[in-house]
Amino acid sequence: MHKGTKAFTLIEMLVSVALLGLVLAGLYSMLDRQRRSNADIVGYLENSSAKNLVASVLYRDLLYSDGNISIVEGEFDRVCIGATKNSLYGLGEAEVCWLVEKDGTTLVRLEGNAYTLPLSHESRVAVDRVMGPMKLFDLSYAKGRLLVLMQKEGDVAYTFLLRGIYKAPKSSKRKRAGKRRRKRGERAPKHPSQKAAAQVSEKR
């Protein structure tokens, strides 16, 4: 062994290993934060995509409706569309309802024809549970404008406004029946309450 050759001492080796451990720990921490950040971004995008898809379907249901839209207010509102061309199941026109289940957790879309609520075992309706748990589902209509506001628990609210949504005029069957009765000189049938009042007055 040459006398002029210098070697690392044990202390220098230990210091080098300690420094390398600190560097590796810092790199691992940075990579872990980056991984979690990427996972959060992916989760946010997936959540936003799902929320946007739900809102898009509701938007098209309302936009392509015949204007026969009924809103039932409550803790969570319910909206039913008499006929819309935005069918997810290949129907020419579909009757669609959006509501939150009684447990207050899931937003549901119902699609079918000639069904009534609550549903029965004989109802032929497609039931899609689209979002939940829900914190808010609210709709308000005024002068052709329909405002929709919905929010999941722990998420930001999502809202959109439709313009030019006018409710369909009432059926003209009653008007036509009234015209036919007037032509024949007949009087319109009395409402049950009117009949009862007339009977009371006759007894007097």
N, C-alpha and C. Protein backbone atom coordinates (compact mmCIF):
# COMPACT_ATOMS: atom_id res chain seq x y z
N MET A 1 0.85 -1.18 0.00
CA MET A 1 0.00 0.00 0.00
C MET A 1 0.89 1.24 0.00
N HIS A 2 0.58 2.15 -0.88
CA HIS A 2 1.40 3.36 -0.99
C HIS A 2 1.13 4.28 0.18
N LYS A 3 2.20 4.82 0.70
CA LYS A 3 2.08 5.71 1.86
C LYS A 3 1.37 7.01 1.50
N GLY A 4 1.47 7.49 0.21
CA GLY A 4 0.86 8.77 -0.16
C GLY A 4 -0.64 8.69 -0.43
N THR A 5 -1.23 7.49 -0.46
CA THR A 5 -2.67 7.32 -0.78
C THR A 5 -3.51 7.60 0.45
N LYS A 6 -4.53 8.49 0.28
CA LYS A 6 -5.42 8.83 1.37
C LYS A 6 -6.76 8.10 1.21
N ALA A 7 -7.37 7.60 2.26
CA ALA A 7 -8.67 6.91 2.24
C ALA A 7 -9.67 7.68 3.09
N PHE A 8 -10.98 7.40 2.85
CA PHE A 8 -12.04 8.03 3.65
C PHE A 8 -12.03 7.44 5.05
N THR A 9 -12.17 8.31 5.98
CA THR A 9 -12.26 7.84 7.36
C THR A 9 -13.69 7.37 7.64
N LEU A 10 -13.88 6.68 8.71
CA LEU A 10 -15.20 6.18 9.09
C LEU A 10 -16.18 7.32 9.33
N ILE A 11 -15.70 8.39 9.93
CA ILE A 11 -16.58 9.55 10.20
C ILE A 11 -17.05 10.17 8.89
N GLU A 12 -16.12 10.31 7.92
CA GLU A 12 -16.51 10.88 6.62
C GLU A 12 -17.55 10.00 5.94
N MET A 13 -17.41 8.69 6.02
CA MET A 13 -18.40 7.78 5.42
C MET A 13 -19.76 7.95 6.08
N LEU A 14 -19.76 8.05 7.41
CA LEU A 14 -21.03 8.21 8.12
C LEU A 14 -21.71 9.53 7.77
N VAL A 15 -20.92 10.59 7.65
CA VAL A 15 -21.48 11.89 7.26
C VAL A 15 -22.07 11.82 5.86
N SER A 16 -21.35 11.17 4.95
CA SER A 16 -21.83 11.04 3.57
C SER A 16 -23.14 10.27 3.51
N VAL A 17 -23.22 9.17 4.27
CA VAL A 17 -24.46 8.38 4.28
C VAL A 17 -25.62 9.19 4.87
N ALA A 18 -25.35 9.96 5.92
CA ALA A 18 -26.39 10.78 6.54
C ALA A 18 -26.90 11.84 5.57
N LEU A 19 -25.96 12.49 4.87
CA LEU A 19 -26.37 13.50 3.88
C LEU A 19 -27.18 12.88 2.75
N LEU A 20 -26.75 11.70 2.30
CA LEU A 20 -27.48 11.02 1.22
C LEU A 20 -28.89 10.65 1.69
N GLY A 21 -29.01 10.23 2.96
CA GLY A 21 -30.33 9.89 3.50
C GLY A 21 -31.25 11.10 3.53
N LEU A 22 -30.69 12.26 3.92
CA LEU A 22 -31.50 13.48 3.94
C LEU A 22 -31.96 13.87 2.55
N VAL A 23 -31.07 13.75 1.57
CA VAL A 23 -31.42 14.09 0.18
C VAL A 23 -32.51 13.17 -0.33
N LEU A 24 -32.35 11.85 -0.07
CA LEU A 24 -33.34 10.88 -0.54
C LEU A 24 -34.69 11.09 0.14
N ALA A 25 -34.65 11.43 1.43
CA ALA A 25 -35.91 11.69 2.15
C ALA A 25 -36.63 12.91 1.56
N GLY A 26 -35.84 13.95 1.24
CA GLY A 26 -36.44 15.13 0.63
C GLY A 26 -37.04 14.83 -0.73
N LEU A 27 -36.32 14.03 -1.54
CA LEU A 27 -36.83 13.65 -2.86
C LEU A 27 -38.10 12.83 -2.74
N TYR A 28 -38.13 11.89 -1.79
CA TYR A 28 -39.31 11.04 -1.61
C TYR A 28 -40.51 11.89 -1.18
N SER A 29 -40.27 12.84 -0.26
CA SER A 29 -41.36 13.70 0.19
C SER A 29 -41.91 14.53 -0.96
N MET A 30 -41.02 15.04 -1.81
CA MET A 30 -41.46 15.85 -2.95
C MET A 30 -42.25 15.01 -3.94
N LEU A 31 -41.76 13.78 -4.22
CA LEU A 31 -42.47 12.90 -5.15
C LEU A 31 -43.83 12.49 -4.58
N ASP A 32 -43.91 12.28 -3.26
CA ASP A 32 -45.18 11.90 -2.64
C ASP A 32 -46.19 13.03 -2.73
N ARG A 33 -45.72 14.27 -2.49
CA ARG A 33 -46.62 15.42 -2.62
C ARG A 33 -47.10 15.56 -4.06
N GLN A 34 -46.20 15.34 -5.01
CA GLN A 34 -46.58 15.43 -6.41
C GLN A 34 -47.61 14.36 -6.77
N ARG A 35 -47.41 13.15 -6.24
CA ARG A 35 -48.35 12.06 -6.52
C ARG A 35 -49.73 12.37 -5.96
N ARG A 36 -49.76 12.87 -4.70
CA ARG A 36 -51.04 13.20 -4.11
C ARG A 36 -51.71 14.37 -4.81
N SER A 37 -50.90 15.32 -5.25
CA SER A 37 -51.45 16.45 -6.01
C SER A 37 -52.07 15.98 -7.31
N ASN A 38 -51.38 15.07 -8.00
CA ASN A 38 -51.92 14.53 -9.25
C ASN A 38 -53.22 13.77 -8.99
N ALA A 39 -53.26 12.99 -7.89
CA ALA A 39 -54.47 12.25 -7.56
C ALA A 39 -55.63 13.21 -7.26
N ASP A 40 -55.33 14.30 -6.55
CA ASP A 40 -56.37 15.29 -6.26
C ASP A 40 -56.89 15.94 -7.54
N ILE A 41 -55.99 16.24 -8.46
CA ILE A 41 -56.39 16.86 -9.73
C ILE A 41 -57.27 15.91 -10.53
N VAL A 42 -56.85 14.64 -10.58
CA VAL A 42 -57.64 13.64 -11.31
C VAL A 42 -59.03 13.50 -10.69
N GLY A 43 -59.08 13.44 -9.34
CA GLY A 43 -60.37 13.34 -8.67
C GLY A 43 -61.24 14.54 -8.92
N TYR A 44 -60.64 15.73 -8.90
CA TYR A 44 -61.40 16.96 -9.16
C TYR A 44 -61.95 16.96 -10.58
N LEU A 45 -61.12 16.55 -11.54
CA LEU A 45 -61.56 16.53 -12.93
C LEU A 45 -62.67 15.51 -13.14
N GLU A 46 -62.53 14.33 -12.51
CA GLU A 46 -63.57 13.32 -12.65
C GLU A 46 -64.87 13.81 -12.02
N ASN A 47 -64.77 14.43 -10.85
CA ASN A 47 -65.96 14.95 -10.19
C ASN A 47 -66.60 16.07 -11.01
N SER A 48 -65.77 16.96 -11.54
CA SER A 48 -66.29 18.06 -12.36
C SER A 48 -66.92 17.52 -13.63
N SER A 49 -66.29 16.50 -14.21
CA SER A 49 -66.82 15.92 -15.44
C SER A 49 -68.18 15.28 -15.18
N ALA A 50 -68.30 14.53 -14.06
CA ALA A 50 -69.58 13.90 -13.73
C ALA A 50 -70.65 14.95 -13.46
N LYS A 51 -70.28 16.00 -12.72
CA LYS A 51 -71.23 17.06 -12.40
C LYS A 51 -71.66 17.79 -13.67
N ASN A 52 -70.71 18.06 -14.55
CA ASN A 52 -71.04 18.74 -15.80
C ASN A 52 -71.94 17.87 -16.66
N LEU A 53 -71.72 16.54 -16.64
CA LEU A 53 -72.56 15.64 -17.42
C LEU A 53 -73.98 15.65 -16.90
N VAL A 54 -74.15 15.59 -15.58
CA VAL A 54 -75.48 15.62 -14.98
C VAL A 54 -76.18 16.93 -15.33
N ALA A 55 -75.49 18.04 -15.17
CA ALA A 55 -76.07 19.34 -15.48
C ALA A 55 -76.42 19.45 -16.96
N SER A 56 -75.58 18.86 -17.81
CA SER A 56 -75.84 18.91 -19.25
C SER A 56 -77.10 18.15 -19.62
N VAL A 57 -77.30 16.98 -18.99
CA VAL A 57 -78.50 16.19 -19.28
C VAL A 57 -79.75 16.94 -18.81
N LEU A 58 -79.71 17.49 -17.60
CA LEU A 58 -80.85 18.26 -17.09
C LEU A 58 -81.12 19.47 -17.97
N TYR A 59 -80.05 20.14 -18.39
CA TYR A 59 -80.19 21.31 -19.26
C TYR A 59 -80.91 20.94 -20.55
N ARG A 60 -80.49 19.84 -21.18
CA ARG A 60 -81.11 19.43 -22.44
C ARG A 60 -82.54 18.93 -22.24
N ASP A 61 -82.78 18.27 -21.10
CA ASP A 61 -84.16 17.85 -20.81
C ASP A 61 -85.10 19.05 -20.80
N LEU A 62 -84.65 20.12 -20.17
CA LEU A 62 -85.49 21.32 -20.07
C LEU A 62 -85.54 22.08 -21.39
N LEU A 63 -84.39 22.16 -22.05
CA LEU A 63 -84.31 22.95 -23.28
C LEU A 63 -85.18 22.36 -24.38
N TYR A 64 -85.21 21.03 -24.49
CA TYR A 64 -85.95 20.37 -25.57
C TYR A 64 -87.32 19.90 -25.12
N SER A 65 -87.83 20.52 -24.05
CA SER A 65 -89.16 20.15 -23.56
C SER A 65 -90.24 20.87 -24.36
N ASP A 66 -91.48 20.42 -24.15
CA ASP A 66 -92.61 21.09 -24.80
C ASP A 66 -93.13 22.26 -23.99
N GLY A 67 -92.43 22.59 -22.90
CA GLY A 67 -92.85 23.70 -22.05
C GLY A 67 -93.77 23.28 -20.92
N ASN A 68 -94.22 22.02 -20.95
CA ASN A 68 -95.10 21.52 -19.89
C ASN A 68 -94.23 21.06 -18.72
N ILE A 69 -93.81 22.01 -17.91
CA ILE A 69 -92.88 21.77 -16.81
C ILE A 69 -93.57 22.10 -15.49
N SER A 70 -93.54 21.15 -14.58
CA SER A 70 -94.12 21.38 -13.25
C SER A 70 -93.03 21.27 -12.20
N ILE A 71 -93.04 22.20 -11.26
CA ILE A 71 -92.05 22.24 -10.18
C ILE A 71 -92.78 22.12 -8.85
N VAL A 72 -92.39 21.15 -8.06
CA VAL A 72 -92.94 20.98 -6.72
C VAL A 72 -91.87 21.39 -5.72
N GLU A 73 -92.16 22.42 -4.96
CA GLU A 73 -91.18 22.94 -4.02
C GLU A 73 -91.19 22.14 -2.72
N GLY A 74 -90.03 22.08 -2.10
CA GLY A 74 -89.89 21.36 -0.84
C GLY A 74 -88.48 21.54 -0.33
N GLU A 75 -88.08 20.69 0.61
CA GLU A 75 -86.70 20.73 1.08
C GLU A 75 -85.75 20.54 -0.10
N PHE A 76 -86.11 19.59 -0.98
CA PHE A 76 -85.49 19.44 -2.29
C PHE A 76 -86.61 19.54 -3.30
N ASP A 77 -86.46 20.39 -4.29
CA ASP A 77 -87.50 20.56 -5.30
C ASP A 77 -87.58 19.33 -6.19
N ARG A 78 -88.73 19.22 -6.85
CA ARG A 78 -88.93 18.17 -7.84
C ARG A 78 -89.42 18.82 -9.12
N VAL A 79 -88.85 18.44 -10.25
CA VAL A 79 -89.27 18.98 -11.53
C VAL A 79 -89.65 17.83 -12.45
N CYS A 80 -90.81 17.95 -13.07
CA CYS A 80 -91.29 16.95 -14.02
C CYS A 80 -91.57 17.63 -15.36
N ILE A 81 -91.14 16.98 -16.41
CA ILE A 81 -91.26 17.51 -17.77
C ILE A 81 -92.22 16.61 -18.53
N GLY A 82 -93.32 17.19 -19.00
CA GLY A 82 -94.35 16.39 -19.67
C GLY A 82 -93.85 15.66 -20.88
N ALA A 83 -93.03 16.31 -21.67
CA ALA A 83 -92.48 15.67 -22.87
C ALA A 83 -91.20 16.39 -23.26
N THR A 84 -90.14 15.63 -23.44
CA THR A 84 -88.88 16.19 -23.92
C THR A 84 -88.31 15.28 -24.99
N LYS A 85 -87.64 15.88 -25.95
CA LYS A 85 -87.00 15.11 -27.02
C LYS A 85 -85.62 14.60 -26.62
N ASN A 86 -85.17 14.99 -25.45
CA ASN A 86 -83.85 14.55 -24.98
C ASN A 86 -83.99 13.22 -24.24
N SER A 87 -84.20 12.16 -24.99
CA SER A 87 -84.36 10.84 -24.40
C SER A 87 -83.01 10.12 -24.39
N LEU A 88 -82.69 9.49 -23.26
CA LEU A 88 -81.46 8.71 -23.15
C LEU A 88 -81.69 7.26 -23.55
N TYR A 89 -82.95 6.91 -23.84
CA TYR A 89 -83.27 5.51 -24.12
C TYR A 89 -84.00 5.34 -25.45
N GLY A 90 -83.79 6.27 -26.36
CA GLY A 90 -84.30 6.12 -27.72
C GLY A 90 -85.79 6.35 -27.88
N LEU A 91 -86.43 7.00 -26.91
CA LEU A 91 -87.85 7.32 -27.05
C LEU A 91 -88.00 8.58 -27.89
N GLY A 92 -89.06 8.61 -28.69
CA GLY A 92 -89.30 9.81 -29.49
C GLY A 92 -89.49 11.02 -28.61
N GLU A 93 -90.37 10.89 -27.64
CA GLU A 93 -90.58 11.89 -26.60
C GLU A 93 -90.69 11.15 -25.28
N ALA A 94 -90.13 11.72 -24.25
CA ALA A 94 -90.11 11.05 -22.95
C ALA A 94 -90.64 11.98 -21.88
N GLU A 95 -91.29 11.37 -20.91
CA GLU A 95 -91.70 12.09 -19.70
C GLU A 95 -90.59 11.91 -18.67
N VAL A 96 -90.02 13.02 -18.21
CA VAL A 96 -88.84 12.96 -17.36
C VAL A 96 -89.10 13.70 -16.05
N CYS A 97 -88.67 13.11 -14.96
CA CYS A 97 -88.73 13.76 -13.65
C CYS A 97 -87.35 13.72 -13.00
N TRP A 98 -87.00 14.80 -12.34
CA TRP A 98 -85.78 14.88 -11.53
C TRP A 98 -86.21 15.12 -10.09
N LEU A 99 -85.71 14.30 -9.19
CA LEU A 99 -86.07 14.45 -7.78
C LEU A 99 -84.96 13.86 -6.90
N VAL A 100 -85.01 14.24 -5.64
CA VAL A 100 -84.08 13.69 -4.66
C VAL A 100 -84.83 12.66 -3.83
N GLU A 101 -84.23 11.48 -3.66
CA GLU A 101 -84.88 10.42 -2.92
C GLU A 101 -85.21 10.86 -1.49
N LYS A 102 -86.16 10.18 -0.88
CA LYS A 102 -86.66 10.59 0.43
C LYS A 102 -85.57 10.65 1.49
N ASP A 103 -84.55 9.80 1.35
CA ASP A 103 -83.48 9.84 2.35
C ASP A 103 -82.59 11.07 2.19
N GLY A 104 -82.85 11.86 1.12
CA GLY A 104 -82.14 13.12 0.95
C GLY A 104 -80.70 12.98 0.52
N THR A 105 -80.37 11.85 -0.11
CA THR A 105 -78.97 11.65 -0.46
C THR A 105 -78.71 11.64 -1.95
N THR A 106 -79.64 11.14 -2.74
CA THR A 106 -79.34 10.87 -4.15
C THR A 106 -80.29 11.60 -5.07
N LEU A 107 -79.74 12.27 -6.05
CA LEU A 107 -80.52 12.90 -7.12
C LEU A 107 -80.82 11.84 -8.18
N VAL A 108 -82.09 11.73 -8.55
CA VAL A 108 -82.55 10.66 -9.44
C VAL A 108 -83.21 11.25 -10.67
N ARG A 109 -82.97 10.62 -11.81
CA ARG A 109 -83.65 10.98 -13.06
C ARG A 109 -84.54 9.82 -13.48
N LEU A 110 -85.81 10.11 -13.70
CA LEU A 110 -86.78 9.11 -14.15
C LEU A 110 -87.15 9.40 -15.59
N GLU A 111 -87.19 8.38 -16.41
CA GLU A 111 -87.60 8.55 -17.81
C GLU A 111 -88.54 7.42 -18.21
N GLY A 112 -89.64 7.81 -18.84
CA GLY A 112 -90.61 6.82 -19.30
C GLY A 112 -91.75 7.52 -20.01
N ASN A 113 -92.90 6.86 -20.05
CA ASN A 113 -94.08 7.43 -20.66
C ASN A 113 -95.31 7.07 -19.83
N ALA A 114 -96.15 8.04 -19.60
CA ALA A 114 -97.44 7.83 -18.93
C ALA A 114 -97.29 7.13 -17.59
N TYR A 115 -96.41 7.63 -16.74
CA TYR A 115 -96.27 7.09 -15.39
C TYR A 115 -96.65 8.17 -14.38
N THR A 116 -96.94 7.74 -13.19
CA THR A 116 -97.31 8.65 -12.12
C THR A 116 -96.41 8.43 -10.91
N LEU A 117 -96.30 9.45 -10.09
CA LEU A 117 -95.53 9.35 -8.86
C LEU A 117 -96.47 9.28 -7.67
N PRO A 118 -96.17 8.48 -6.66
CA PRO A 118 -95.00 7.59 -6.58
C PRO A 118 -95.09 6.41 -7.54
N LEU A 119 -93.95 5.86 -7.90
CA LEU A 119 -93.92 4.76 -8.85
C LEU A 119 -94.50 3.50 -8.23
N SER A 120 -95.07 2.67 -9.09
CA SER A 120 -95.57 1.37 -8.66
C SER A 120 -94.72 0.28 -9.30
N HIS A 121 -94.98 -0.96 -8.90
CA HIS A 121 -94.22 -2.08 -9.46
C HIS A 121 -94.51 -2.25 -10.96
N GLU A 122 -95.64 -1.74 -11.41
CA GLU A 122 -96.01 -1.89 -12.81
C GLU A 122 -95.45 -0.76 -13.68
N SER A 123 -94.89 0.24 -13.07
CA SER A 123 -94.36 1.38 -13.84
C SER A 123 -93.14 0.95 -14.65
N ARG A 124 -93.18 1.26 -15.92
CA ARG A 124 -92.05 0.95 -16.79
C ARG A 124 -91.24 2.23 -16.99
N VAL A 125 -90.33 2.42 -16.06
CA VAL A 125 -89.57 3.67 -16.00
C VAL A 125 -88.10 3.36 -15.78
N ALA A 126 -87.24 4.08 -16.49
CA ALA A 126 -85.80 3.98 -16.27
C ALA A 126 -85.41 4.90 -15.13
N VAL A 127 -84.75 4.35 -14.12
CA VAL A 127 -84.36 5.11 -12.93
C VAL A 127 -82.84 5.19 -12.90
N ASP A 128 -82.32 6.42 -13.01
CA ASP A 128 -80.87 6.65 -12.97
C ASP A 128 -80.53 7.49 -11.76
N ARG A 129 -79.74 6.93 -10.86
CA ARG A 129 -79.23 7.69 -9.71
C ARG A 129 -77.95 8.38 -10.15
N VAL A 130 -78.02 9.70 -10.27
CA VAL A 130 -76.97 10.42 -11.00
C VAL A 130 -76.00 11.20 -10.11
N MET A 131 -76.41 11.58 -8.90
CA MET A 131 -75.53 12.40 -8.08
C MET A 131 -75.94 12.32 -6.61
N GLY A 132 -74.96 12.39 -5.75
CA GLY A 132 -75.28 12.40 -4.33
C GLY A 132 -74.02 12.23 -3.49
N PRO A 133 -74.12 12.46 -2.20
CA PRO A 133 -75.30 12.95 -1.48
C PRO A 133 -75.56 14.43 -1.76
N MET A 134 -76.83 14.80 -1.79
CA MET A 134 -77.19 16.14 -2.18
C MET A 134 -77.37 17.05 -0.96
N LYS A 135 -76.95 18.28 -1.12
CA LYS A 135 -77.19 19.32 -0.12
C LYS A 135 -78.28 20.28 -0.59
N LEU A 136 -78.38 20.47 -1.91
CA LEU A 136 -79.31 21.45 -2.45
C LEU A 136 -79.74 21.04 -3.85
N PHE A 137 -81.05 21.14 -4.09
CA PHE A 137 -81.59 20.99 -5.45
C PHE A 137 -82.81 21.89 -5.52
N ASP A 138 -82.64 23.02 -6.20
CA ASP A 138 -83.65 24.07 -6.17
C ASP A 138 -83.87 24.61 -7.57
N LEU A 139 -85.13 24.79 -7.93
CA LEU A 139 -85.49 25.37 -9.23
C LEU A 139 -86.50 26.47 -9.01
N SER A 140 -86.36 27.53 -9.78
CA SER A 140 -87.33 28.63 -9.71
C SER A 140 -87.61 29.12 -11.12
N TYR A 141 -88.90 29.39 -11.37
CA TYR A 141 -89.35 29.80 -12.71
C TYR A 141 -90.07 31.13 -12.62
N ALA A 142 -89.75 32.03 -13.54
CA ALA A 142 -90.43 33.32 -13.60
C ALA A 142 -90.22 33.94 -14.97
N LYS A 143 -91.33 34.25 -15.64
CA LYS A 143 -91.32 35.00 -16.90
C LYS A 143 -90.38 34.39 -17.94
N GLY A 144 -90.52 33.11 -18.15
CA GLY A 144 -89.74 32.45 -19.19
C GLY A 144 -88.31 32.12 -18.81
N ARG A 145 -87.95 32.38 -17.56
CA ARG A 145 -86.60 32.09 -17.10
C ARG A 145 -86.65 31.00 -16.03
N LEU A 146 -85.79 30.03 -16.20
CA LEU A 146 -85.74 28.90 -15.27
C LEU A 146 -84.33 28.80 -14.69
N LEU A 147 -84.24 28.99 -13.38
CA LEU A 147 -82.95 28.95 -12.69
C LEU A 147 -82.83 27.62 -11.95
N VAL A 148 -81.70 26.94 -12.18
CA VAL A 148 -81.44 25.64 -11.54
C VAL A 148 -80.21 25.79 -10.66
N LEU A 149 -80.33 25.30 -9.43
CA LEU A 149 -79.23 25.36 -8.47
C LEU A 149 -79.12 24.00 -7.80
N MET A 150 -77.94 23.38 -7.90
CA MET A 150 -77.75 22.09 -7.24
C MET A 150 -76.36 22.03 -6.63
N GLN A 151 -76.27 21.25 -5.54
CA GLN A 151 -75.02 21.18 -4.80
C GLN A 151 -74.91 19.85 -4.08
N LYS A 152 -73.75 19.21 -4.23
CA LYS A 152 -73.45 18.01 -3.47
C LYS A 152 -72.90 18.40 -2.10
N GLU A 153 -73.03 17.49 -1.16
CA GLU A 153 -72.41 17.71 0.15
C GLU A 153 -70.90 17.84 -0.01
N GLY A 154 -70.34 18.88 0.61
CA GLY A 154 -68.90 19.08 0.56
C GLY A 154 -68.39 19.59 -0.75
N ASP A 155 -69.26 20.09 -1.61
CA ASP A 155 -68.84 20.58 -2.93
C ASP A 155 -69.42 21.97 -3.14
N VAL A 156 -68.92 22.66 -4.15
CA VAL A 156 -69.43 24.00 -4.47
C VAL A 156 -70.74 23.86 -5.24
N ALA A 157 -71.57 24.88 -5.14
CA ALA A 157 -72.86 24.88 -5.82
C ALA A 157 -72.65 25.04 -7.33
N TYR A 158 -73.58 24.46 -8.09
CA TYR A 158 -73.54 24.54 -9.55
C TYR A 158 -74.89 25.10 -10.00
N THR A 159 -74.86 26.09 -10.86
CA THR A 159 -76.10 26.73 -11.27
C THR A 159 -76.07 27.08 -12.75
N PHE A 160 -77.26 27.10 -13.36
CA PHE A 160 -77.37 27.59 -14.72
C PHE A 160 -78.77 28.16 -14.92
N LEU A 161 -78.89 29.02 -15.92
CA LEU A 161 -80.13 29.74 -16.20
C LEU A 161 -80.55 29.49 -17.64
N LEU A 162 -81.81 29.11 -17.83
CA LEU A 162 -82.37 28.95 -19.17
C LEU A 162 -83.33 30.08 -19.43
N ARG A 163 -83.26 30.64 -20.62
CA ARG A 163 -84.18 31.70 -21.02
C ARG A 163 -85.10 31.19 -22.12
N GLY A 164 -86.24 31.82 -22.23
CA GLY A 164 -87.18 31.45 -23.29
C GLY A 164 -87.90 30.15 -23.03
N ILE A 165 -87.98 29.73 -21.76
CA ILE A 165 -88.71 28.52 -21.40
C ILE A 165 -90.11 28.94 -20.95
N TYR A 166 -91.09 28.74 -21.83
CA TYR A 166 -92.45 29.14 -21.52
C TYR A 166 -93.32 27.91 -21.34
N LYS A 167 -94.10 27.92 -20.29
CA LYS A 167 -94.96 26.78 -20.01
C LYS A 167 -96.03 26.67 -21.08
N ALA A 168 -96.34 25.43 -21.41
CA ALA A 168 -97.33 25.19 -22.46
C ALA A 168 -98.70 25.69 -22.02
N PRO A 169 -99.48 26.26 -22.96
CA PRO A 169 -100.82 26.70 -22.59
C PRO A 169 -101.68 25.52 -22.18
N LYS A 170 -102.69 25.80 -21.36
CA LYS A 170 -103.58 24.74 -20.92
C LYS A 170 -104.32 24.13 -22.10
N SER A 171 -104.70 22.88 -21.93
CA SER A 171 -105.37 22.15 -23.00
C SER A 171 -106.62 22.90 -23.44
N SER A 172 -106.84 22.89 -24.76
CA SER A 172 -107.99 23.60 -25.31
C SER A 172 -109.22 22.70 -25.39
N LYS A 173 -109.15 21.48 -24.80
CA LYS A 173 -110.31 20.58 -24.85
C LYS A 173 -111.51 21.21 -24.16
N ARG A 174 -111.26 21.86 -23.00
CA ARG A 174 -112.36 22.47 -22.28
C ARG A 174 -112.99 23.60 -23.09
N LYS A 175 -112.12 24.37 -23.78
CA LYS A 175 -112.64 25.47 -24.59
C LYS A 175 -113.52 24.93 -25.72
N ARG A 176 -113.04 23.86 -26.38
CA ARG A 176 -113.82 23.29 -27.49
C ARG A 176 -115.13 22.71 -26.98
N ALA A 177 -115.09 22.05 -25.80
CA ALA A 177 -116.32 21.48 -25.24
C ALA A 177 -117.30 22.59 -24.88
N GLY A 178 -116.76 23.71 -24.37
CA GLY A 178 -117.63 24.83 -24.03
C GLY A 178 -118.29 25.42 -25.27
N LYS A 179 -117.54 25.52 -26.36
CA LYS A 179 -118.12 26.05 -27.59
C LYS A 179 -119.23 25.15 -28.11
N ARG A 180 -119.00 23.81 -28.03
CA ARG A 180 -120.03 22.88 -28.51
C ARG A 180 -121.29 22.98 -27.66
N ARG A 181 -121.12 23.13 -26.33
CA ARG A 181 -122.29 23.26 -25.47
C ARG A 181 -123.05 24.54 -25.76
N ARG A 182 -122.31 25.63 -26.01
CA ARG A 182 -122.98 26.89 -26.30
C ARG A 182 -123.76 26.80 -27.61
N LYS A 183 -123.20 26.09 -28.58
CA LYS A 183 -123.90 25.94 -29.86
C LYS A 183 -125.19 25.15 -29.67
N ARG A 184 -125.15 24.13 -28.76
CA ARG A 184 -126.34 23.30 -28.55
C ARG A 184 -127.28 23.92 -27.51
N GLY A 185 -126.89 25.05 -26.94
CA GLY A 185 -127.72 25.70 -25.94
C GLY A 185 -127.66 25.03 -24.58
N GLU A 186 -126.58 24.22 -24.33
CA GLU A 186 -126.44 23.53 -23.05
C GLU A 186 -125.61 24.37 -22.09
N ARG A 187 -125.84 24.11 -20.83
CA ARG A 187 -125.06 24.79 -19.79
C ARG A 187 -123.92 23.88 -19.35
N ALA A 188 -122.84 24.50 -18.94
CA ALA A 188 -121.69 23.72 -18.49
C ALA A 188 -122.05 22.99 -17.20
N PRO A 189 -121.57 21.74 -17.03
CA PRO A 189 -121.86 21.01 -15.79
C PRO A 189 -121.28 21.72 -14.58
N LYS A 190 -122.03 21.66 -13.49
CA LYS A 190 -121.59 22.35 -12.29
C LYS A 190 -120.51 21.57 -11.57
N HIS A 191 -119.66 22.32 -10.90
CA HIS A 191 -118.67 21.70 -10.02
C HIS A 191 -119.40 21.08 -8.83
N PRO A 192 -118.91 19.96 -8.27
CA PRO A 192 -119.59 19.34 -7.13
C PRO A 192 -119.93 20.31 -6.00
N SER A 193 -119.05 21.26 -5.72
CA SER A 193 -119.33 22.23 -4.66
C SER A 193 -120.50 23.12 -5.04
N GLN A 194 -120.61 23.47 -6.34
CA GLN A 194 -121.72 24.30 -6.80
C GLN A 194 -123.03 23.53 -6.71
N LYS A 195 -122.98 22.22 -7.04
CA LYS A 195 -124.18 21.40 -6.94
C LYS A 195 -124.68 21.33 -5.50
N ALA A 196 -123.74 21.16 -4.56
CA ALA A 196 -124.11 21.08 -3.16
C ALA A 196 -124.75 22.39 -2.70
N ALA A 197 -124.16 23.51 -3.15
CA ALA A 197 -124.71 24.82 -2.77
C ALA A 197 -126.12 24.99 -3.33
N ALA A 198 -126.34 24.51 -4.58
CA ALA A 198 -127.64 24.64 -5.20
C ALA A 198 -128.68 23.80 -4.46
N GLN A 199 -128.30 22.60 -4.02
CA GLN A 199 -129.22 21.75 -3.28
C GLN A 199 -129.59 22.38 -1.96
N VAL A 200 -128.64 23.01 -1.28
CA VAL A 200 -128.93 23.66 -0.01
C VAL A 200 -129.91 24.80 -0.20
N SER A 201 -129.70 25.60 -1.28
CA SER A 201 -130.58 26.74 -1.52
C SER A 201 -132.00 26.26 -1.87
N GLU A 202 -132.10 25.11 -2.58
CA GLU A 202 -133.43 24.58 -2.93
C GLU A 202 -134.16 24.16 -1.67
N LYS A 203 -133.45 23.52 -0.72
CA LYS A 203 -134.09 23.07 0.51
C LYS A 203 -134.63 24.24 1.30
N ARG A 204 -133.87 25.35 1.26
CA ARG A 204 -134.32 26.54 1.98
C ARG A 204 -135.60 27.09 1.34
